[in-house]
PDB file of N, CA and C in Angstrom:
ATOM      1  N   MET A   1     -80.117 -77.016 -23.484  1.00  0.00           N
ATOM      2  CA  MET A   1     -80.386 -75.598 -23.445  1.00  0.00           C
ATOM      3  C   MET A   1     -79.665 -74.956 -22.261  1.00  0.00           C
ATOM      4  N   SER A   2     -79.643 -75.660 -21.138  1.00  0.00           N
ATOM      5  CA  SER A   2     -78.990 -75.130 -19.946  1.00  0.00           C
ATOM      6  C   SER A   2     -77.497 -74.920 -20.186  1.00  0.00           C
ATOM      7  N   SER A   3     -76.851 -75.846 -20.913  1.00  0.00           N
ATOM      8  CA  SER A   3     -75.417 -75.698 -21.162  1.00  0.00           C
ATOM      9  C   SER A   3     -75.139 -74.522 -22.086  1.00  0.00           C
ATOM     10  N   ILE A   4     -76.057 -74.222 -22.992  1.00  0.00           N
ATOM     11  CA  ILE A   4     -75.887 -73.061 -23.873  1.00  0.00           C
ATOM     12  C   ILE A   4     -75.928 -71.782 -23.044  1.00  0.00           C
ATOM     13  N   ILE A   5     -76.862 -71.710 -22.105  1.00  0.00           N
ATOM     14  CA  ILE A   5     -76.968 -70.538 -21.229  1.00  0.00           C
ATOM     15  C   ILE A   5     -75.728 -70.443 -20.354  1.00  0.00           C
ATOM     16  N   ASP A   6     -75.301 -71.572 -19.774  1.00  0.00           N
ATOM     17  CA  ASP A   6     -74.109 -71.576 -18.924  1.00  0.00           C
ATOM     18  C   ASP A   6     -72.894 -71.101 -19.696  1.00  0.00           C
ATOM     19  N   ASN A   7     -72.698 -71.622 -20.923  1.00  0.00           N
ATOM     20  CA  ASN A   7     -71.546 -71.236 -21.730  1.00  0.00           C
ATOM     21  C   ASN A   7     -71.605 -69.763 -22.117  1.00  0.00           C
ATOM     22  N   SER A   8     -72.785 -69.253 -22.429  1.00  0.00           N
ATOM     23  CA  SER A   8     -72.927 -67.846 -22.804  1.00  0.00           C
ATOM     24  C   SER A   8     -72.624 -66.936 -21.619  1.00  0.00           C
ATOM     25  N   ILE A   9     -73.135 -67.308 -20.448  1.00  0.00           N
ATOM     26  CA  ILE A   9     -72.882 -66.510 -19.248  1.00  0.00           C
ATOM     27  C   ILE A   9     -71.394 -66.536 -18.912  1.00  0.00           C
ATOM     28  N   ASN A  10     -70.793 -67.734 -18.919  1.00  0.00           N
ATOM     29  CA  ASN A  10     -69.362 -67.834 -18.630  1.00  0.00           C
ATOM     30  C   ASN A  10     -68.543 -67.036 -19.633  1.00  0.00           C
ATOM     31  N   SER A  11     -68.924 -67.123 -20.899  1.00  0.00           N
ATOM     32  CA  SER A  11     -68.216 -66.389 -21.944  1.00  0.00           C
ATOM     33  C   SER A  11     -68.320 -64.889 -21.721  1.00  0.00           C
ATOM     34  N   ALA A  12     -69.486 -64.407 -21.337  1.00  0.00           N
ATOM     35  CA  ALA A  12     -69.675 -62.979 -21.088  1.00  0.00           C
ATOM     36  C   ALA A  12     -68.840 -62.518 -19.898  1.00  0.00           C
ATOM     37  N   ILE A  13     -68.820 -63.318 -18.847  1.00  0.00           N
ATOM     38  CA  ILE A  13     -68.041 -62.951 -17.657  1.00  0.00           C
ATOM     39  C   ILE A  13     -66.551 -62.932 -17.979  1.00  0.00           C
ATOM     40  N   VAL A  14     -66.061 -63.959 -18.663  1.00  0.00           N
ATOM     41  CA  VAL A  14     -64.646 -64.015 -19.036  1.00  0.00           C
ATOM     42  C   VAL A  14     -64.301 -62.852 -19.960  1.00  0.00           C
ATOM     43  N   SER A  15     -65.175 -62.564 -20.921  1.00  0.00           N
ATOM     44  CA  SER A  15     -64.947 -61.463 -21.851  1.00  0.00           C
ATOM     45  C   SER A  15     -64.900 -60.125 -21.113  1.00  0.00           C
ATOM     46  N   GLY A  16     -65.818 -59.925 -20.189  1.00  0.00           N
ATOM     47  CA  GLY A  16     -65.829 -58.689 -19.409  1.00  0.00           C
ATOM     48  C   GLY A  16     -64.582 -58.529 -18.559  1.00  0.00           C
ATOM     49  N   GLN A  17     -64.163 -59.605 -17.906  1.00  0.00           N
ATOM     50  CA  GLN A  17     -62.960 -59.550 -17.079  1.00  0.00           C
ATOM     51  C   GLN A  17     -61.718 -59.297 -17.931  1.00  0.00           C
ATOM     52  N   PHE A  18     -61.636 -59.955 -19.080  1.00  0.00           N
ATOM     53  CA  PHE A  18     -60.496 -59.761 -19.979  1.00  0.00           C
ATOM     54  C   PHE A  18     -60.467 -58.314 -20.477  1.00  0.00           C
ATOM     55  N   GLY A  19     -61.637 -57.787 -20.830  1.00  0.00           N
ATOM     56  CA  GLY A  19     -61.706 -56.400 -21.295  1.00  0.00           C
ATOM     57  C   GLY A  19     -61.248 -55.419 -20.232  1.00  0.00           C
ATOM     58  N   LEU A  20     -61.670 -55.642 -18.993  1.00  0.00           N
ATOM     59  CA  LEU A  20     -61.227 -54.776 -17.897  1.00  0.00           C
ATOM     60  C   LEU A  20     -59.714 -54.847 -17.707  1.00  0.00           C
ATOM     61  N   GLN A  21     -59.175 -56.053 -17.737  1.00  0.00           N
ATOM     62  CA  GLN A  21     -57.733 -56.224 -17.556  1.00  0.00           C
ATOM     63  C   GLN A  21     -56.957 -55.492 -18.646  1.00  0.00           C
ATOM     64  N   LYS A  22     -57.344 -55.667 -19.909  1.00  0.00           N
ATOM     65  CA  LYS A  22     -56.649 -55.016 -21.013  1.00  0.00           C
ATOM     66  C   LYS A  22     -56.799 -53.495 -20.936  1.00  0.00           C
ATOM     67  N   SER A  23     -57.969 -53.021 -20.519  1.00  0.00           N
ATOM     68  CA  SER A  23     -58.185 -51.581 -20.398  1.00  0.00           C
ATOM     69  C   SER A  23     -57.289 -50.987 -19.325  1.00  0.00           C
ATOM     70  N   PHE A  24     -57.202 -51.650 -18.180  1.00  0.00           N
ATOM     71  CA  PHE A  24     -56.350 -51.149 -17.108  1.00  0.00           C
ATOM     72  C   PHE A  24     -54.881 -51.177 -17.508  1.00  0.00           C
ATOM     73  N   GLU A  25     -54.459 -52.204 -18.236  1.00  0.00           N
ATOM     74  CA  GLU A  25     -53.079 -52.253 -18.728  1.00  0.00           C
ATOM     75  C   GLU A  25     -52.809 -51.085 -19.675  1.00  0.00           C
ATOM     76  N   GLY A  26     -53.761 -50.802 -20.559  1.00  0.00           N
ATOM     77  CA  GLY A  26     -53.604 -49.689 -21.488  1.00  0.00           C
ATOM     78  C   GLY A  26     -53.573 -48.347 -20.779  1.00  0.00           C
ATOM     79  N   MET A  27     -54.433 -48.169 -19.763  1.00  0.00           N
ATOM     80  CA  MET A  27     -54.439 -46.924 -19.007  1.00  0.00           C
ATOM     81  C   MET A  27     -53.139 -46.746 -18.230  1.00  0.00           C
ATOM     82  N   THR A  28     -52.630 -47.831 -17.669  1.00  0.00           N
ATOM     83  CA  THR A  28     -51.366 -47.765 -16.932  1.00  0.00           C
ATOM     84  C   THR A  28     -50.230 -47.352 -17.854  1.00  0.00           C
ATOM     85  N   GLN A  29     -50.158 -47.969 -19.044  1.00  0.00           N
ATOM     86  CA  GLN A  29     -49.098 -47.646 -19.991  1.00  0.00           C
ATOM     87  C   GLN A  29     -49.190 -46.199 -20.444  1.00  0.00           C
ATOM     88  N   ALA A  30     -50.400 -45.738 -20.797  1.00  0.00           N
ATOM     89  CA  ALA A  30     -50.571 -44.355 -21.243  1.00  0.00           C
ATOM     90  C   ALA A  30     -50.213 -43.375 -20.132  1.00  0.00           C
ATOM     91  N   SER A  31     -50.600 -43.672 -18.902  1.00  0.00           N
ATOM     92  CA  SER A  31     -50.281 -42.802 -17.761  1.00  0.00           C
ATOM     93  C   SER A  31     -48.777 -42.724 -17.535  1.00  0.00           C
ATOM     94  N   MET A  32     -48.106 -43.864 -17.638  1.00  0.00           N
ATOM     95  CA  MET A  32     -46.645 -43.870 -17.475  1.00  0.00           C
ATOM     96  C   MET A  32     -45.977 -43.046 -18.573  1.00  0.00           C
ATOM     97  N   ASN A  33     -46.457 -43.171 -19.792  1.00  0.00           N
ATOM     98  CA  ASN A  33     -45.880 -42.411 -20.900  1.00  0.00           C
ATOM     99  C   ASN A  33     -46.089 -40.911 -20.719  1.00  0.00           C
ATOM    100  N   ILE A  34     -47.278 -40.525 -20.246  1.00  0.00           N
ATOM    101  CA  ILE A  34     -47.565 -39.107 -19.993  1.00  0.00           C
ATOM    102  C   ILE A  34     -46.660 -38.575 -18.886  1.00  0.00           C
ATOM    103  N   ALA A  35     -46.511 -39.330 -17.807  1.00  0.00           N
ATOM    104  CA  ALA A  35     -45.655 -38.901 -16.695  1.00  0.00           C
ATOM    105  C   ALA A  35     -44.203 -38.760 -17.151  1.00  0.00           C
ATOM    106  N   GLN A  36     -43.748 -39.720 -17.950  1.00  0.00           N
ATOM    107  CA  GLN A  36     -42.366 -39.665 -18.438  1.00  0.00           C
ATOM    108  C   GLN A  36     -42.158 -38.446 -19.328  1.00  0.00           C
ATOM    109  N   ARG A  37     -43.094 -38.192 -20.244  1.00  0.00           N
ATOM    110  CA  ARG A  37     -42.970 -37.056 -21.150  1.00  0.00           C
ATOM    111  C   ARG A  37     -43.011 -35.733 -20.364  1.00  0.00           C
ATOM    112  N   SER A  38     -43.860 -35.648 -19.356  1.00  0.00           N
ATOM    113  CA  SER A  38     -43.948 -34.438 -18.535  1.00  0.00           C
ATOM    114  C   SER A  38     -42.641 -34.188 -17.799  1.00  0.00           C
ATOM    115  N   ALA A  39     -42.061 -35.239 -17.250  1.00  0.00           N
ATOM    116  CA  ALA A  39     -40.790 -35.101 -16.540  1.00  0.00           C
ATOM    117  C   ALA A  39     -39.684 -34.662 -17.488  1.00  0.00           C
ATOM    118  N   GLN A  40     -39.657 -35.223 -18.683  1.00  0.00           N
ATOM    119  CA  GLN A  40     -38.634 -34.842 -19.656  1.00  0.00           C
ATOM    120  C   GLN A  40     -38.784 -33.378 -20.067  1.00  0.00           C
ATOM    121  N   THR A  41     -40.016 -32.915 -20.249  1.00  0.00           N
ATOM    122  CA  THR A  41     -40.274 -31.530 -20.638  1.00  0.00           C
ATOM    123  C   THR A  41     -39.832 -30.574 -19.542  1.00  0.00           C
ATOM    124  N   GLN A  42     -40.138 -30.907 -18.303  1.00  0.00           N
ATOM    125  CA  GLN A  42     -39.766 -30.041 -17.191  1.00  0.00           C
ATOM    126  C   GLN A  42     -38.249 -29.913 -17.083  1.00  0.00           C
ATOM    127  N   VAL A  43     -37.545 -31.003 -17.236  1.00  0.00           N
ATOM    128  CA  VAL A  43     -36.088 -30.971 -17.145  1.00  0.00           C
ATOM    129  C   VAL A  43     -35.505 -30.129 -18.276  1.00  0.00           C
ATOM    130  N   SER A  44     -36.012 -30.304 -19.493  1.00  0.00           N
ATOM    131  CA  SER A  44     -35.448 -29.548 -20.618  1.00  0.00           C
ATOM    132  C   SER A  44     -35.780 -28.055 -20.512  1.00  0.00           C
ATOM    133  N   GLU A  45     -36.915 -27.688 -19.893  1.00  0.00           N
ATOM    134  CA  GLU A  45     -37.272 -26.276 -19.735  1.00  0.00           C
ATOM    135  C   GLU A  45     -36.461 -25.605 -18.629  1.00  0.00           C
ATOM    136  N   ASP A  46     -36.199 -26.302 -17.525  1.00  0.00           N
ATOM    137  CA  ASP A  46     -35.508 -25.709 -16.377  1.00  0.00           C
ATOM    138  C   ASP A  46     -33.996 -25.643 -16.582  1.00  0.00           C
ATOM    139  N   GLY A  47     -33.449 -26.583 -17.327  1.00  0.00           N
ATOM    140  CA  GLY A  47     -32.001 -26.624 -17.499  1.00  0.00           C
ATOM    141  C   GLY A  47     -31.314 -27.267 -16.308  1.00  0.00           C
ATOM    142  N   ALA A  48     -29.990 -27.356 -16.428  1.00  0.00           N
ATOM    143  CA  ALA A  48     -29.221 -28.019 -15.375  1.00  0.00           C
ATOM    144  C   ALA A  48     -28.213 -27.044 -14.797  1.00  0.00           C
ATOM    145  N   GLY A  49     -28.727 -25.992 -14.164  1.00  0.00           N
ATOM    146  CA  GLY A  49     -27.861 -24.917 -13.687  1.00  0.00           C
ATOM    147  C   GLY A  49     -27.209 -25.160 -12.349  1.00  0.00           C
ATOM    148  N   ALA A  50     -27.718 -26.025 -11.535  1.00  0.00           N
ATOM    149  CA  ALA A  50     -27.190 -26.213 -10.184  1.00  0.00           C
ATOM    150  C   ALA A  50     -26.908 -27.692  -9.946  1.00  0.00           C
ATOM    151  N   VAL A  51     -26.193 -27.968  -8.911  1.00  0.00           N
ATOM    152  CA  VAL A  51     -25.860 -29.355  -8.567  1.00  0.00           C
ATOM    153  C   VAL A  51     -27.125 -30.167  -8.305  1.00  0.00           C
ATOM    154  N   LEU A  52     -28.067 -29.567  -7.640  1.00  0.00           N
ATOM    155  CA  LEU A  52     -29.317 -30.253  -7.355  1.00  0.00           C
ATOM    156  C   LEU A  52     -30.058 -30.596  -8.638  1.00  0.00           C
ATOM    157  N   THR A  53     -30.066 -29.684  -9.565  1.00  0.00           N
ATOM    158  CA  THR A  53     -30.715 -29.937 -10.839  1.00  0.00           C
ATOM    159  C   THR A  53     -30.002 -31.051 -11.589  1.00  0.00           C
ATOM    160  N   ASN A  54     -28.668 -31.028 -11.555  1.00  0.00           N
ATOM    161  CA  ASN A  54     -27.896 -32.096 -12.203  1.00  0.00           C
ATOM    162  C   ASN A  54     -28.203 -33.456 -11.587  1.00  0.00           C
ATOM    163  N   ALA A  55     -28.344 -33.482 -10.266  1.00  0.00           N
ATOM    164  CA  ALA A  55     -28.676 -34.738  -9.594  1.00  0.00           C
ATOM    165  C   ALA A  55     -30.076 -35.206 -10.014  1.00  0.00           C
ATOM    166  N   ALA A  56     -31.009 -34.268 -10.141  1.00  0.00           N
ATOM    167  CA  ALA A  56     -32.363 -34.622 -10.566  1.00  0.00           C
ATOM    168  C   ALA A  56     -32.358 -35.150 -11.996  1.00  0.00           C
ATOM    169  N   VAL A  57     -31.577 -34.520 -12.864  1.00  0.00           N
ATOM    170  CA  VAL A  57     -31.485 -34.973 -14.256  1.00  0.00           C
ATOM    171  C   VAL A  57     -30.926 -36.392 -14.314  1.00  0.00           C
ATOM    172  N   THR A  58     -29.879 -36.640 -13.545  1.00  0.00           N
ATOM    173  CA  THR A  58     -29.297 -37.976 -13.516  1.00  0.00           C
ATOM    174  C   THR A  58     -30.311 -38.999 -13.014  1.00  0.00           C
ATOM    175  N   GLY A  59     -31.046 -38.621 -11.970  1.00  0.00           N
ATOM    176  CA  GLY A  59     -32.080 -39.522 -11.454  1.00  0.00           C
ATOM    177  C   GLY A  59     -33.161 -39.792 -12.477  1.00  0.00           C
ATOM    178  N   LEU A  60     -33.586 -38.769 -13.203  1.00  0.00           N
ATOM    179  CA  LEU A  60     -34.609 -38.957 -14.238  1.00  0.00           C
ATOM    180  C   LEU A  60     -34.087 -39.816 -15.389  1.00  0.00           C
ATOM    181  N   GLN A  61     -32.823 -39.659 -15.728  1.00  0.00           N
ATOM    182  CA  GLN A  61     -32.250 -40.493 -16.788  1.00  0.00           C
ATOM    183  C   GLN A  61     -32.249 -41.958 -16.365  1.00  0.00           C
ATOM    184  N   ASN A  62     -31.921 -42.210 -15.119  1.00  0.00           N
ATOM    185  CA  ASN A  62     -31.956 -43.589 -14.619  1.00  0.00           C
ATOM    186  C   ASN A  62     -33.366 -44.156 -14.660  1.00  0.00           C
ATOM    187  N   ILE A  63     -34.328 -43.336 -14.263  1.00  0.00           N
ATOM    188  CA  ILE A  63     -35.724 -43.776 -14.298  1.00  0.00           C
ATOM    189  C   ILE A  63     -36.166 -44.011 -15.737  1.00  0.00           C
ATOM    190  N   ARG A  64     -35.792 -43.110 -16.644  1.00  0.00           N
ATOM    191  CA  ARG A  64     -36.181 -43.230 -18.052  1.00  0.00           C
ATOM    192  C   ARG A  64     -35.675 -44.541 -18.644  1.00  0.00           C
ATOM    193  N   GLU A  65     -34.499 -44.964 -18.242  1.00  0.00           N
ATOM    194  CA  GLU A  65     -33.937 -46.214 -18.755  1.00  0.00           C
ATOM    195  C   GLU A  65     -34.703 -47.435 -18.259  1.00  0.00           C
ATOM    196  N   THR A  66     -35.314 -47.333 -17.089  1.00  0.00           N
ATOM    197  CA  THR A  66     -36.058 -48.468 -16.555  1.00  0.00           C
ATOM    198  C   THR A  66     -37.508 -48.508 -17.022  1.00  0.00           C
ATOM    199  N   LEU A  67     -38.044 -47.353 -17.444  1.00  0.00           N
ATOM    200  CA  LEU A  67     -39.423 -47.300 -17.916  1.00  0.00           C
ATOM    201  C   LEU A  67     -39.501 -47.690 -19.383  1.00  0.00           C
ATOM    202  N   PRO A  68     -40.649 -48.256 -19.797  1.00  0.00           N
ATOM    203  CA  PRO A  68     -40.828 -48.544 -21.225  1.00  0.00           C
ATOM    204  C   PRO A  68     -40.795 -47.239 -22.023  1.00  0.00           C
ATOM    205  N   GLN A  69     -40.212 -47.282 -23.192  1.00  0.00           N
ATOM    206  CA  GLN A  69     -40.112 -46.093 -24.026  1.00  0.00           C
ATOM    207  C   GLN A  69     -41.441 -45.802 -24.712  1.00  0.00           C
ATOM    208  N   SER A  70     -41.802 -44.552 -24.751  1.00  0.00           N
ATOM    209  CA  SER A  70     -43.042 -44.119 -25.385  1.00  0.00           C
ATOM    210  C   SER A  70     -42.845 -44.026 -26.889  1.00  0.00           C
ATOM    211  N   ALA A  71     -43.768 -44.634 -27.635  1.00  0.00           N
ATOM    212  CA  ALA A  71     -43.679 -44.588 -29.085  1.00  0.00           C
ATOM    213  C   ALA A  71     -44.512 -43.442 -29.654  1.00  0.00           C
ATOM    214  N   GLY A  72     -45.467 -42.951 -28.889  1.00  0.00           N
ATOM    215  CA  GLY A  72     -46.380 -41.940 -29.401  1.00  0.00           C
ATOM    216  C   GLY A  72     -46.097 -40.567 -28.822  1.00  0.00           C
ATOM    217  N   ASN A  73     -46.948 -39.626 -29.182  1.00  0.00           N
ATOM    218  CA  ASN A  73     -46.827 -38.285 -28.626  1.00  0.00           C
ATOM    219  C   ASN A  73     -47.868 -38.108 -27.519  1.00  0.00           C
ATOM    220  N   MET A  74     -47.887 -36.936 -26.908  1.00  0.00           N
ATOM    221  CA  MET A  74     -48.779 -36.688 -25.779  1.00  0.00           C
ATOM    222  C   MET A  74     -50.244 -36.855 -26.187  1.00  0.00           C
ATOM    223  N   THR A  75     -50.600 -36.367 -27.366  1.00  0.00           N
ATOM    224  CA  THR A  75     -51.993 -36.468 -27.815  1.00  0.00           C
ATOM    225  C   THR A  75     -52.417 -37.920 -27.947  1.00  0.00           C
ATOM    226  N   SER A  76     -51.575 -38.740 -28.560  1.00  0.00           N
ATOM    227  CA  SER A  76     -51.941 -40.150 -28.736  1.00  0.00           C
ATOM    228  C   SER A  76     -52.027 -40.868 -27.393  1.00  0.00           C
ATOM    229  N   GLU A  77     -51.203 -40.475 -26.429  1.00  0.00           N
ATOM    230  CA  GLU A  77     -51.258 -41.092 -25.103  1.00  0.00           C
ATOM    231  C   GLU A  77     -52.549 -40.694 -24.384  1.00  0.00           C
ATOM    232  N   LEU A  78     -52.955 -39.440 -24.519  1.00  0.00           N
ATOM    233  CA  LEU A  78     -54.208 -39.010 -23.899  1.00  0.00           C
ATOM    234  C   LEU A  78     -55.408 -39.689 -24.561  1.00  0.00           C
ATOM    235  N   VAL A  79     -55.370 -39.838 -25.873  1.00  0.00           N
ATOM    236  CA  VAL A  79     -56.434 -40.550 -26.579  1.00  0.00           C
ATOM    237  C   VAL A  79     -56.475 -42.007 -26.121  1.00  0.00           C
ATOM    238  N   SER A  80     -55.296 -42.612 -25.983  1.00  0.00           N
ATOM    239  CA  SER A  80     -55.215 -44.006 -25.521  1.00  0.00           C
ATOM    240  C   SER A  80     -55.787 -44.144 -24.115  1.00  0.00           C
ATOM    241  N   LEU A  81     -55.474 -43.198 -23.257  1.00  0.00           N
ATOM    242  CA  LEU A  81     -55.989 -43.220 -21.886  1.00  0.00           C
ATOM    243  C   LEU A  81     -57.513 -43.142 -21.888  1.00  0.00           C
ATOM    244  N   LYS A  82     -58.081 -42.252 -22.687  1.00  0.00           N
ATOM    245  CA  LYS A  82     -59.535 -42.100 -22.764  1.00  0.00           C
ATOM    246  C   LYS A  82     -60.180 -43.346 -23.375  1.00  0.00           C
ATOM    247  N   LEU A  83     -59.587 -43.877 -24.443  1.00  0.00           N
ATOM    248  CA  LEU A  83     -60.118 -45.067 -25.100  1.00  0.00           C
ATOM    249  C   LEU A  83     -60.142 -46.251 -24.141  1.00  0.00           C
ATOM    250  N   ASN A  84     -59.065 -46.447 -23.403  1.00  0.00           N
ATOM    251  CA  ASN A  84     -59.023 -47.557 -22.462  1.00  0.00           C
ATOM    252  C   ASN A  84     -59.996 -47.345 -21.308  1.00  0.00           C
ATOM    253  N   SER A  85     -60.232 -46.102 -20.927  1.00  0.00           N
ATOM    254  CA  SER A  85     -61.226 -45.810 -19.895  1.00  0.00           C
ATOM    255  C   SER A  85     -62.627 -46.194 -20.378  1.00  0.00           C
ATOM    256  N   ILE A  86     -62.937 -45.855 -21.619  1.00  0.00           N
ATOM    257  CA  ILE A  86     -64.240 -46.219 -22.197  1.00  0.00           C
ATOM    258  C   ILE A  86     -64.367 -47.731 -22.311  1.00  0.00           C
ATOM    259  N   ASN A  87     -63.285 -48.402 -22.733  1.00  0.00           N
ATOM    260  CA  ASN A  87     -63.309 -49.867 -22.823  1.00  0.00           C
ATOM    261  C   ASN A  87     -63.538 -50.507 -21.454  1.00  0.00           C
ATOM    262  N   ALA A  88     -62.941 -49.941 -20.422  1.00  0.00           N
ATOM    263  CA  ALA A  88     -63.147 -50.466 -19.071  1.00  0.00           C
ATOM    264  C   ALA A  88     -64.600 -50.316 -18.649  1.00  0.00           C
ATOM    265  N   GLN A  89     -65.207 -49.176 -18.965  1.00  0.00           N
ATOM    266  CA  GLN A  89     -66.613 -48.971 -18.635  1.00  0.00           C
ATOM    267  C   GLN A  89     -67.505 -49.963 -19.378  1.00  0.00           C
ATOM    268  N   ALA A  90     -67.193 -50.208 -20.652  1.00  0.00           N
ATOM    269  CA  ALA A  90     -67.983 -51.162 -21.441  1.00  0.00           C
ATOM    270  C   ALA A  90     -67.838 -52.574 -20.881  1.00  0.00           C
ATOM    271  N   SER A  91     -66.623 -52.945 -20.515  1.00  0.00           N
ATOM    272  CA  SER A  91     -66.398 -54.281 -19.952  1.00  0.00           C
ATOM    273  C   SER A  91     -67.107 -54.442 -18.617  1.00  0.00           C
ATOM    274  N   ALA A  92     -67.113 -53.390 -17.818  1.00  0.00           N
ATOM    275  CA  ALA A  92     -67.836 -53.432 -16.544  1.00  0.00           C
ATOM    276  C   ALA A  92     -69.332 -53.607 -16.788  1.00  0.00           C
ATOM    277  N   LYS A  93     -69.844 -52.981 -17.827  1.00  0.00           N
ATOM    278  CA  LYS A  93     -71.262 -53.126 -18.167  1.00  0.00           C
ATOM    279  C   LYS A  93     -71.567 -54.561 -18.600  1.00  0.00           C
ATOM    280  N   VAL A  94     -70.644 -55.174 -19.367  1.00  0.00           N
ATOM    281  CA  VAL A  94     -70.816 -56.583 -19.768  1.00  0.00           C
ATOM    282  C   VAL A  94     -70.917 -57.465 -18.531  1.00  0.00           C
ATOM    283  N   LEU A  95     -70.034 -57.245 -17.573  1.00  0.00           N
ATOM    284  CA  LEU A  95     -70.071 -58.028 -16.337  1.00  0.00           C
ATOM    285  C   LEU A  95     -71.373 -57.783 -15.574  1.00  0.00           C
ATOM    286  N   ASP A  96     -71.807 -56.543 -15.520  1.00  0.00           N
ATOM    287  CA  ASP A  96     -73.045 -56.202 -14.814  1.00  0.00           C
ATOM    288  C   ASP A  96     -74.235 -56.930 -15.427  1.00  0.00           C
ATOM    289  N   VAL A  97     -74.334 -56.909 -16.748  1.00  0.00           N
ATOM    290  CA  VAL A  97     -75.442 -57.584 -17.434  1.00  0.00           C
ATOM    291  C   VAL A  97     -75.355 -59.095 -17.225  1.00  0.00           C
ATOM    292  N   ALA A  98     -74.145 -59.654 -17.295  1.00  0.00           N
ATOM    293  CA  ALA A  98     -73.981 -61.094 -17.099  1.00  0.00           C
ATOM    294  C   ALA A  98     -74.409 -61.502 -15.691  1.00  0.00           C
ATOM    295  N   PHE A  99     -74.017 -60.716 -14.695  1.00  0.00           N
ATOM    296  CA  PHE A  99     -74.397 -61.045 -13.321  1.00  0.00           C
ATOM    297  C   PHE A  99     -75.904 -60.884 -13.112  1.00  0.00           C
ATOM    298  N   ASP A 100     -76.507 -59.867 -13.733  1.00  0.00           N
ATOM    299  CA  ASP A 100     -77.963 -59.710 -13.654  1.00  0.00           C
ATOM    300  C   ASP A 100     -78.666 -60.895 -14.299  1.00  0.00           C
ATOM    301  N   THR A 101     -78.124 -61.370 -15.412  1.00  0.00           N
ATOM    302  CA  THR A 101     -78.709 -62.519 -16.115  1.00  0.00           C
ATOM    303  C   THR A 101     -78.638 -63.767 -15.242  1.00  0.00           C
ATOM    304  N   VAL A 102     -77.502 -63.964 -14.594  1.00  0.00           N
ATOM    305  CA  VAL A 102     -77.367 -65.110 -13.687  1.00  0.00           C
ATOM    306  C   VAL A 102     -78.397 -65.007 -12.573  1.00  0.00           C
ATOM    307  N   GLY A 103     -78.585 -63.818 -12.028  1.00  0.00           N
ATOM    308  CA  GLY A 103     -79.576 -63.619 -10.969  1.00  0.00           C
ATOM    309  C   GLY A 103     -80.980 -63.915 -11.441  1.00  0.00           C
ATOM    310  N   THR A 104     -81.313 -63.499 -12.639  1.00  0.00           N
ATOM    311  CA  THR A 104     -82.637 -63.761 -13.208  1.00  0.00           C
ATOM    312  C   THR A 104     -82.853 -65.269 -13.423  1.00  0.00           C
ATOM    313  N   ILE A 105     -81.819 -65.934 -13.911  1.00  0.00           N
ATOM    314  CA  ILE A 105     -81.923 -67.395 -14.130  1.00  0.00           C
ATOM    315  C   ILE A 105     -82.107 -68.101 -12.798  1.00  0.00           C
ATOM    316  N   ILE A 106     -81.369 -67.708 -11.786  1.00  0.00           N
ATOM    317  CA  ILE A 106     -81.508 -68.315 -10.465  1.00  0.00           C
ATOM    318  C   ILE A 106     -82.906 -68.085  -9.909  1.00  0.00           C
ATOM    319  N   ASP A 107     -83.418 -66.855 -10.048  1.00  0.00           N
ATOM    320  CA  ASP A 107     -84.779 -66.547  -9.578  1.00  0.00           C
ATOM    321  C   ASP A 107     -85.831 -67.360 -10.333  1.00  0.00           C
ATOM    322  N   THR A 108     -85.628 -67.546 -11.617  1.00  0.00           N
ATOM    323  CA  THR A 108     -86.572 -68.279 -12.442  1.00  0.00           C
ATOM    324  C   THR A 108     -86.581 -69.755 -12.078  1.00  0.00           C
ATOM    325  N   LEU A 109     -85.404 -70.305 -11.834  1.00  0.00           N
ATOM    326  CA  LEU A 109     -85.297 -71.727 -11.523  1.00  0.00           C
ATOM    327  C   LEU A 109     -85.686 -72.034 -10.080  1.00  0.00           C
ATOM    328  N   ALA A 110     -85.672 -71.036  -9.224  1.00  0.00           N
ATOM    329  CA  ALA A 110     -85.976 -71.276  -7.805  1.00  0.00           C
ATOM    330  C   ALA A 110     -87.432 -71.409  -7.513  1.00  0.00           C
TER     331      ALA A 110
END
């Protein structure tokens, strides 16, 4: 019985940590896509009328080539950001419950 409890607790902790990691990766990707799209919009609205603007455009093009390309639109990126935020909160709750359970088991066995 003890090994079943140990395995369940370990599984919950690993699951919670994995969920947090995936959520943060998703939020990072969505944030990068939003920032890239915002920069592209600003450049296309302002135009390239001066040398400084041309230098900024060239710099943004270099950055765009190094960043992952966005497959979605702004709405889907914002939805992705919110979804991953909710997933992170849920994973944190899983970890919280698992740690509380471990504390209860320790108190019971002590």
